[in-house]
C-alpha atoms as a PDB file:
ATOM      1  CA  MET A   1      -0.090  -0.036   0.034  1.00  0.00           C
ATOM      2  CA  ALA A   2       1.441   3.425  -0.958  1.00  0.00           C
ATOM      3  CA  THR A   3       1.739   6.164   1.495  1.00  0.00           C
ATOM      4  CA  TRP A   4       1.114   9.692   0.405  1.00  0.00           C
ATOM      5  CA  GLN A   5       3.401  12.395   1.815  1.00  0.00           C
ATOM      6  CA  ALA A   6       3.487  16.070   0.770  1.00  0.00           C
ATOM      7  CA  VAL A   7       6.853  17.394  -0.281  1.00  0.00           C
ATOM      8  CA  ASN A   8       7.202  20.857   1.033  1.00  0.00           C
ATOM      9  CA  ARG A   9      10.715  22.485   0.827  1.00  0.00           C
ATOM     10  CA  MET A  10      10.972  25.188   3.374  1.00  0.00           C
ATOM     11  CA  ARG A  11      13.327  28.233   2.906  1.00  0.00           C
ATOM     12  CA  VAL A  12      15.267  29.682   5.701  1.00  0.00           C
ATOM     13  CA  GLY A  13      16.816  33.186   5.026  1.00  0.00           C
ATOM     14  CA  GLU A  14      20.438  34.417   5.770  1.00  0.00           C
ATOM     15  CA  ARG A  15      19.078  36.125   8.997  1.00  0.00           C
ATOM     16  CA  TYR A  16      15.882  37.531  10.618  1.00  0.00           C
ATOM     17  CA  GLU A  17      14.950  40.407  12.975  1.00  0.00           C
ATOM     18  CA  ILE A  18      12.042  41.852  14.363  1.00  0.00           C
ATOM     19  CA  GLU A  19      10.792  45.035  12.763  1.00  0.00           C
ATOM     20  CA  GLU A  20       8.223  47.615  14.323  1.00  0.00           C
ATOM     21  CA  THR A  21       6.242  49.822  12.075  1.00  0.00           C
ATOM     22  CA  ILE A  22       3.353  52.161  12.873  1.00  0.00           C
ATOM     23  CA  GLU A  23       0.174  51.270  10.759  1.00  0.00           C
ATOM     24  CA  GLY A  24      -2.491  53.772   9.824  1.00  0.00           C
ATOM     25  CA  THR A  25      -4.136  53.567  13.145  1.00  0.00           C
ATOM     26  CA  LYS A  26      -0.792  54.685  14.944  1.00  0.00           C
ATOM     27  CA  GLU A  27      -0.582  51.101  16.452  1.00  0.00           C
ATOM     28  CA  ILE A  28       3.055  49.508  16.488  1.00  0.00           C
ATOM     29  CA  GLU A  29       2.950  46.427  14.416  1.00  0.00           C
ATOM     30  CA  ARG A  30       5.829  44.174  15.025  1.00  0.00           C
ATOM     31  CA  ARG A  31       6.987  41.719  12.298  1.00  0.00           C
ATOM     32  CA  VAL A  32       9.744  39.162  11.854  1.00  0.00           C
ATOM     33  CA  VAL A  33      11.239  40.126   8.680  1.00  0.00           C
ATOM     34  CA  GLU A  34      14.118  38.554   6.662  1.00  0.00           C
ATOM     35  CA  ARG A  35      17.441  40.288   6.302  1.00  0.00           C
ATOM     36  CA  GLY A  36      20.408  39.485   4.215  1.00  0.00           C
ATOM     37  CA  ARG A  37      21.032  38.136   0.764  1.00  0.00           C
ATOM     38  CA  ARG A  38      18.461  35.918  -0.807  1.00  0.00           C
ATOM     39  CA  GLU A  39      21.254  33.774  -2.507  1.00  0.00           C
ATOM     40  CA  ARG A  40      22.468  32.692   1.165  1.00  0.00           C
ATOM     41  CA  ALA A  41      19.224  31.065   1.805  1.00  0.00           C
ATOM     42  CA  ARG A  42      19.065  27.230   2.574  1.00  0.00           C
ATOM     43  CA  PHE A  43      16.109  24.725   2.063  1.00  0.00           C
ATOM     44  CA  TYR A  44      14.990  21.586   3.797  1.00  0.00           C
ATOM     45  CA  ASP A  45      12.295  19.355   3.842  1.00  0.00           C
ATOM     46  CA  PRO A  46      10.175  19.744   7.112  1.00  0.00           C
ATOM     47  CA  TRP A  47       8.862  16.078   6.907  1.00  0.00           C
ATOM     48  CA  GLU A  48      12.582  14.965   7.831  1.00  0.00           C
ATOM     49  CA  PHE A  49      12.454  16.971  11.152  1.00  0.00           C
ATOM     50  CA  PRO A  50       9.749  15.790  13.341  1.00  0.00           C
ATOM     51  CA  GLU A  51      11.072  17.912  16.215  1.00  0.00           C
ATOM     52  CA  ILE A  52      10.009  21.158  14.583  1.00  0.00           C
ATOM     53  CA  VAL A  53       6.623  20.858  16.305  1.00  0.00           C
ATOM     54  CA  SER A  54       7.881  20.513  19.762  1.00  0.00           C
ATOM     55  CA  GLU A  55      10.747  23.136  19.238  1.00  0.00           C
ATOM     56  CA  PHE A  56       8.193  25.671  17.848  1.00  0.00           C
ATOM     57  CA  ALA A  57       5.875  24.876  20.950  1.00  0.00           C
ATOM     58  CA  THR A  58       8.596  25.327  23.590  1.00  0.00           C
ATOM     59  CA  LYS A  59      10.843  28.210  21.767  1.00  0.00           C
ATOM     60  CA  VAL A  60       8.121  30.461  20.724  1.00  0.00           C
ATOM     61  CA  GLN A  61       6.663  32.052  23.905  1.00  0.00           C
ATOM     62  CA  PHE A  62       4.452  35.253  24.409  1.00  0.00           C
ATOM     63  CA  ASN A  63       6.882  38.278  24.821  1.00  0.00           C
ATOM     64  CA  ASP A  64      10.066  36.470  24.120  1.00  0.00           C
ATOM     65  CA  ASP A  65      11.669  37.722  20.927  1.00  0.00           C
ATOM     66  CA  ALA A  66      14.747  35.918  21.459  1.00  0.00           C
ATOM     67  CA  GLY A  67      12.920  32.691  21.406  1.00  0.00           C
ATOM     68  CA  LEU A  68      10.952  33.454  18.098  1.00  0.00           C
ATOM     69  CA  LEU A  69      14.178  34.723  16.370  1.00  0.00           C
ATOM     70  CA  ASP A  70      16.197  31.446  17.540  1.00  0.00           C
ATOM     71  CA  PHE A  71      13.284  29.357  15.944  1.00  0.00           C
ATOM     72  CA  THR A  72      13.166  31.540  12.831  1.00  0.00           C
ATOM     73  CA  HIS A  73      16.801  31.506  12.326  1.00  0.00           C
ATOM     74  CA  ARG A  74      16.882  27.701  12.443  1.00  0.00           C
ATOM     75  CA  TRP A  75      13.461  26.794  10.656  1.00  0.00           C
ATOM     76  CA  GLY A  76      12.693  29.895   8.685  1.00  0.00           C
ATOM     77  CA  SER A  77       9.501  32.033   8.336  1.00  0.00           C
ATOM     78  CA  LEU A  78       6.077  30.370   9.504  1.00  0.00           C
ATOM     79  CA  ARG A  79       4.780  31.185   6.010  1.00  0.00           C
ATOM     80  CA  GLU A  80       7.760  31.081   3.694  1.00  0.00           C
ATOM     81  CA  THR A  81       7.740  28.281   1.085  1.00  0.00           C
ATOM     82  CA  LEU A  82       9.637  27.374  -1.983  1.00  0.00           C
ATOM     83  CA  ASP A  83       7.489  29.780  -3.864  1.00  0.00           C
ATOM     84  CA  ILE A  84       9.542  32.887  -3.270  1.00  0.00           C
ATOM     85  CA  THR A  85       7.296  35.053  -5.312  1.00  0.00           C
ATOM     86  CA  HIS A  86       4.348  34.537  -2.573  1.00  0.00           C
ATOM     87  CA  GLN A  87       5.795  36.334   0.302  1.00  0.00           C
ATOM     88  CA  VAL A  88       3.900  37.872   3.176  1.00  0.00           C
ATOM     89  CA  PRO A  89       4.223  41.717   2.761  1.00  0.00           C
ATOM     90  CA  GLY A  90       6.328  42.857   5.597  1.00  0.00           C
ATOM     91  CA  GLY A  91       7.037  39.514   7.284  1.00  0.00           C
ATOM     92  CA  ASP A  92       5.176  37.341   9.820  1.00  0.00           C
ATOM     93  CA  PRO A  93       3.564  39.324  12.518  1.00  0.00           C
ATOM     94  CA  VAL A  94       4.968  38.674  15.820  1.00  0.00           C
ATOM     95  CA  GLY A  95       1.392  37.853  17.430  1.00  0.00           C
ATOM     96  CA  TYR A  96       0.567  35.481  14.653  1.00  0.00           C
ATOM     97  CA  ALA A  97       3.526  33.393  15.573  1.00  0.00           C
ATOM     98  CA  GLU A  98       3.052  33.616  19.331  1.00  0.00           C
ATOM     99  CA  GLN A  99      -0.683  32.712  19.097  1.00  0.00           C
ATOM    100  CA  HIS A 100      -0.030  29.604  16.767  1.00  0.00           C
ATOM    101  CA  ALA A 101       2.721  28.356  19.203  1.00  0.00           C
ATOM    102  CA  ALA A 102       0.261  28.616  22.020  1.00  0.00           C
ATOM    103  CA  ILE A 103      -2.349  26.467  19.940  1.00  0.00           C
ATOM    104  CA  VAL A 104       0.547  23.913  19.331  1.00  0.00           C
ATOM    105  CA  ARG A 105       1.306  23.742  22.991  1.00  0.00           C
ATOM    106  CA  PHE A 106      -2.239  23.166  23.891  1.00  0.00           C
ATOM    107  CA  SER A 107      -2.596  20.431  21.326  1.00  0.00           C
ATOM    108  CA  LEU A 108       0.519  18.514  22.446  1.00  0.00           C
ATOM    109  CA  GLU A 109      -0.656  18.901  26.141  1.00  0.00           C
ATOM    110  CA  LEU A 110      -4.031  17.513  25.091  1.00  0.00           C
ATOM    111  CA  ILE A 111      -2.453  14.720  23.209  1.00  0.00           C
ATOM    112  CA  ALA A 112      -0.145  13.885  26.267  1.00  0.00           C
ATOM    113  CA  LEU A 113      -3.337  13.666  28.488  1.00  0.00           C
ATOM    114  CA  ILE A 114      -5.200  11.462  25.993  1.00  0.00           C
ATOM    115  CA  ARG A 115      -2.331   9.005  25.904  1.00  0.00           C
END
């Protein structure tokens, strides 16, 4: 019986940083943005690294920029794929990453309780 598995090459930029911008409502928007040369990027297949999920859940915490940048430097932007023409304008919102990591932490805790 054949097993189907998606092939999704993920891209990791040369480096990332958190940028603060002021939107039209005068609110500060914080985003993880890629810096550096695009040709210095590397690619990997996330299916080969099952630890990504637990690392995302443990490293990315609310109000912990260092943890978020550490994860992003190793694994890349949350929404970056091989299709480099489809980029999120301005990078990933910090709140987006923090909220998704919290959902993953909750899911992993729930799975552990069920077992």
